[in-house]
């Protein structure tokens, strides 16, 4: 196991990364031809046990909105690196195709998706590897997330995302690589901007970046 820790300064945040990868990861990914990005698991700053029925429905809607938003973030940054030639010899399954296949398999609900081994998900999607992730989506005053939804009780959590992006082999389901990060904030910090930047920086360390076929 290799573990690298680093930080990067930005206008609004300081990112502390920890990167994990298997020692033989180059060999592991050498047979990958097609990958897919899964919806990103979200933790919101709410105590669901205190919510009304209407509040729970609204929370589910918000969670799904962020799951697909952050999935798109990761997908867009991988596509960007492909377009500029940083990743070569690899196909990235279109988001619509990925999500349609998950829905057809009864896996559009994140609670069901996270229960399934990654190799079984890869088989359903017809890919050689899957990229998944997790974001602790905190409350901030600078985005539309601060709207007061009727019937929803907020928890007071320290702002700033805890986030991870993972790469799993499609045959074995083994985790090959991940990048984890937390941003230190200033008073003007926007959570979604921070997560966007984390995804951008995290994708740079995918083990496909120098791979050519």
Protein backbone atom coordinates (compact mmCIF):
# COMPACT_ATOMS: atom_id res chain seq x y z
CA UNK A 1 0.00 0.00 0.00
CA UNK A 2 1.27 3.47 -0.86
CA UNK A 3 -0.02 6.52 0.97
CA UNK A 4 0.80 10.07 -0.09
CA UNK A 5 -0.25 13.16 1.87
CA UNK A 6 -0.20 16.64 0.32
CA UNK A 7 -1.83 20.03 0.49
CA UNK A 8 -2.72 22.65 -2.10
CA UNK A 9 -3.58 26.31 -1.55
CA UNK A 10 -6.53 27.93 -3.30
CA UNK A 11 -8.28 31.29 -3.04
CA UNK A 12 -10.92 29.97 -0.67
CA UNK A 13 -9.53 26.80 0.81
CA UNK A 14 -6.52 24.68 1.72
CA UNK A 15 -6.88 21.04 0.69
CA UNK A 16 -5.27 18.20 2.55
CA UNK A 17 -5.12 15.11 0.36
CA UNK A 18 -4.29 11.55 1.23
CA UNK A 19 -3.85 9.20 -1.74
CA UNK A 20 -3.94 5.43 -1.48
CA UNK A 21 -2.96 3.06 -4.26
CA UNK A 22 -1.90 -0.55 -4.57
CA UNK A 23 1.82 -1.10 -5.29
CA UNK A 24 0.94 -3.08 -8.45
CA UNK A 25 -1.74 -0.67 -9.63
CA UNK A 26 -0.13 -0.16 -13.06
CA UNK A 27 -0.55 -3.86 -13.77
CA UNK A 28 -4.07 -3.87 -12.35
CA UNK A 29 -5.33 -1.05 -14.60
CA UNK A 30 -3.43 -2.14 -17.71
CA UNK A 31 -6.38 -4.27 -18.90
CA UNK A 32 -9.03 -1.62 -18.28
CA UNK A 33 -10.63 -0.36 -21.47
CA UNK A 34 -13.88 1.17 -20.24
CA UNK A 35 -14.80 2.78 -16.92
CA UNK A 36 -17.91 4.39 -15.42
CA UNK A 37 -18.56 6.98 -12.73
CA UNK A 38 -21.27 6.11 -10.21
CA UNK A 39 -23.56 8.57 -8.42
CA UNK A 40 -21.74 9.96 -5.38
CA UNK A 41 -22.94 8.98 -1.90
CA UNK A 42 -23.97 12.03 0.14
CA UNK A 43 -24.14 12.67 3.87
CA UNK A 44 -26.27 15.72 4.67
CA UNK A 45 -26.20 17.63 7.99
CA UNK A 46 -29.60 16.50 9.18
CA UNK A 47 -30.87 14.16 11.87
CA UNK A 48 -33.41 12.08 9.95
CA UNK A 49 -34.93 10.73 13.14
CA UNK A 50 -36.23 14.25 13.87
CA UNK A 51 -37.81 14.89 10.47
CA UNK A 52 -41.46 14.91 9.52
CA UNK A 53 -42.66 12.68 6.68
CA UNK A 54 -42.61 15.68 4.35
CA UNK A 55 -39.14 16.58 5.58
CA UNK A 56 -37.83 13.09 4.81
CA UNK A 57 -39.23 13.27 1.28
CA UNK A 58 -37.53 16.61 0.76
CA UNK A 59 -34.24 15.28 2.12
CA UNK A 60 -34.36 12.36 -0.31
CA UNK A 61 -34.89 14.79 -3.17
CA UNK A 62 -31.96 16.93 -2.04
CA UNK A 63 -29.69 13.90 -1.62
CA UNK A 64 -30.48 12.69 -5.14
CA UNK A 65 -29.81 16.15 -6.55
CA UNK A 66 -26.34 16.21 -5.02
CA UNK A 67 -25.58 12.57 -5.88
CA UNK A 68 -25.97 13.31 -9.57
CA UNK A 69 -24.40 16.76 -9.37
CA UNK A 70 -21.17 15.42 -7.88
CA UNK A 71 -21.21 12.42 -10.22
CA UNK A 72 -21.24 14.94 -13.07
CA UNK A 73 -18.34 16.86 -11.48
CA UNK A 74 -16.11 13.76 -11.51
CA UNK A 75 -17.24 12.74 -15.01
CA UNK A 76 -16.57 16.22 -16.43
CA UNK A 77 -13.05 16.39 -15.04
CA UNK A 78 -12.16 12.94 -16.39
CA UNK A 79 -13.54 13.96 -19.80
CA UNK A 80 -11.46 17.14 -19.66
CA UNK A 81 -8.27 15.17 -19.03
CA UNK A 82 -9.16 12.87 -21.91
CA UNK A 83 -9.78 15.84 -24.21
CA UNK A 84 -6.39 17.39 -23.45
CA UNK A 85 -4.58 14.05 -23.85
CA UNK A 86 -3.71 13.46 -20.19
CA UNK A 87 -5.64 10.16 -20.26
CA UNK A 88 -5.38 8.02 -23.37
CA UNK A 89 -6.51 4.55 -24.44
CA UNK A 90 -9.56 4.53 -22.18
CA UNK A 91 -13.32 4.90 -22.69
CA UNK A 92 -15.58 6.67 -20.22
CA UNK A 93 -19.20 5.50 -20.25
CA UNK A 94 -21.70 8.30 -20.72
CA UNK A 95 -23.50 9.36 -17.55
CA UNK A 96 -26.94 8.80 -19.06
CA UNK A 97 -26.03 5.23 -20.02
CA UNK A 98 -24.64 4.52 -16.55
CA UNK A 99 -27.67 5.87 -14.72
CA UNK A 100 -30.15 4.21 -17.09
CA UNK A 101 -28.50 0.82 -16.51
CA UNK A 102 -28.52 1.32 -12.75
CA UNK A 103 -32.20 2.28 -12.85
CA UNK A 104 -33.07 -0.75 -14.97
CA UNK A 105 -31.30 -2.97 -12.41
CA UNK A 106 -33.24 -1.41 -9.52
CA UNK A 107 -30.18 0.46 -8.23
CA UNK A 108 -31.25 4.08 -8.60
CA UNK A 109 -31.63 4.27 -4.80
CA UNK A 110 -28.24 4.91 -3.16
CA UNK A 111 -29.13 2.66 -0.21
CA UNK A 112 -29.36 -0.29 -2.62
CA UNK A 113 -26.36 0.73 -4.72
CA UNK A 114 -23.91 0.84 -1.79
CA UNK A 115 -24.91 -2.67 -0.69
CA UNK A 116 -23.80 -4.25 -3.96
CA UNK A 117 -20.15 -5.31 -4.48
CA UNK A 118 -18.37 -3.11 -7.02
CA UNK A 119 -17.60 -6.05 -9.33
CA UNK A 120 -21.32 -6.81 -9.62
CA UNK A 121 -22.03 -3.16 -10.40
CA UNK A 122 -19.31 -3.20 -13.06
CA UNK A 123 -20.86 -6.30 -14.62
CA UNK A 124 -24.27 -4.61 -14.77
CA UNK A 125 -22.71 -1.56 -16.42
CA UNK A 126 -20.49 -3.54 -18.77
CA UNK A 127 -17.28 -1.80 -17.71
CA UNK A 128 -13.82 -2.81 -16.49
CA UNK A 129 -13.75 -0.49 -13.47
CA UNK A 130 -16.03 1.85 -11.55
CA UNK A 131 -15.35 5.15 -9.83
CA UNK A 132 -17.42 5.85 -6.74
CA UNK A 133 -17.28 8.52 -4.07
CA UNK A 134 -18.55 9.98 -0.84
CA UNK A 135 -19.13 13.59 0.19
CA UNK A 136 -20.13 14.95 3.59
CA UNK A 137 -22.13 17.89 2.26
CA UNK A 138 -22.15 20.60 4.93
CA UNK A 139 -24.42 23.59 5.31
CA UNK A 140 -23.17 26.95 4.02
CA UNK A 141 -24.78 30.36 3.69
CA UNK A 142 -23.33 31.14 0.27
CA UNK A 143 -25.36 28.72 -1.88
CA UNK A 144 -28.94 27.78 -2.62
CA UNK A 145 -28.55 24.96 -0.11
CA UNK A 146 -29.23 27.52 2.65
CA UNK A 147 -32.91 27.74 1.74
CA UNK A 148 -35.03 26.90 4.79
CA UNK A 149 -37.10 23.87 3.76
CA UNK A 150 -40.33 23.57 5.70
CA UNK A 151 -40.33 20.62 8.09
CA UNK A 152 -36.54 20.02 7.94
CA UNK A 153 -34.43 20.37 11.07
CA UNK A 154 -30.76 21.27 10.54
CA UNK A 155 -27.84 19.94 12.55
CA UNK A 156 -25.05 22.37 13.36
CA UNK A 157 -21.98 20.78 11.70
CA UNK A 158 -18.63 22.40 11.05
CA UNK A 159 -18.66 23.54 7.40
CA UNK A 160 -16.40 22.04 4.78
CA UNK A 161 -16.48 18.85 2.73
CA UNK A 162 -14.98 15.56 3.73
CA UNK A 163 -14.77 13.78 0.40
CA UNK A 164 -13.35 10.66 -1.22
CA UNK A 165 -13.09 9.33 -4.77
CA UNK A 166 -12.40 5.60 -5.22
CA UNK A 167 -11.46 3.35 -8.13
CA UNK A 168 -12.55 -0.32 -7.99
CA UNK A 169 -11.55 -3.12 -10.32
CA UNK A 170 -14.49 -4.50 -12.29
CA UNK A 171 -13.50 -8.16 -12.07
CA UNK A 172 -12.44 -8.50 -8.44
CA UNK A 173 -14.24 -5.51 -6.94
CA UNK A 174 -10.97 -4.65 -5.19
CA UNK A 175 -10.27 -1.03 -4.33
CA UNK A 176 -7.23 -0.03 -6.37
CA UNK A 177 -6.93 3.66 -5.55
CA UNK A 178 -8.55 6.47 -3.64
CA UNK A 179 -8.04 10.14 -2.86
CA UNK A 180 -9.48 11.69 0.30
CA UNK A 181 -9.56 15.34 1.24
CA UNK A 182 -10.79 17.98 3.63
CA UNK A 183 -10.80 21.71 3.00
CA UNK A 184 -9.93 24.35 5.58
CA UNK A 185 -12.29 27.26 5.09
CA UNK A 186 -12.52 31.01 5.38
CA UNK A 187 -15.70 32.94 6.07
CA UNK A 188 -16.54 33.38 2.37
CA UNK A 189 -16.23 29.71 1.53
CA UNK A 190 -18.74 28.08 -0.83
CA UNK A 191 -19.11 24.34 -0.22
CA UNK A 192 -19.98 23.41 -3.80
CA UNK A 193 -17.01 25.37 -5.14
CA UNK A 194 -14.79 23.51 -2.69
CA UNK A 195 -16.12 20.12 -3.77
CA UNK A 196 -15.75 21.10 -7.45
CA UNK A 197 -12.10 21.97 -6.79
CA UNK A 198 -11.54 18.77 -4.81
CA UNK A 199 -12.92 16.66 -7.66
CA UNK A 200 -10.75 18.53 -10.16
CA UNK A 201 -7.59 17.98 -8.14
CA UNK A 202 -8.46 14.42 -7.15
CA UNK A 203 -9.06 13.26 -10.73
CA UNK A 204 -5.54 14.41 -11.64
CA UNK A 205 -4.15 11.51 -9.60
CA UNK A 206 -6.16 8.76 -11.31
CA UNK A 207 -3.71 5.99 -12.28
CA UNK A 208 -4.68 6.26 -15.95
CA UNK A 209 -3.13 9.68 -16.49
CA UNK A 210 0.06 8.46 -18.22
CA UNK A 211 -1.41 5.32 -19.74
CA UNK A 212 -1.29 5.00 -23.51
CA UNK A 213 -2.48 2.25 -25.86
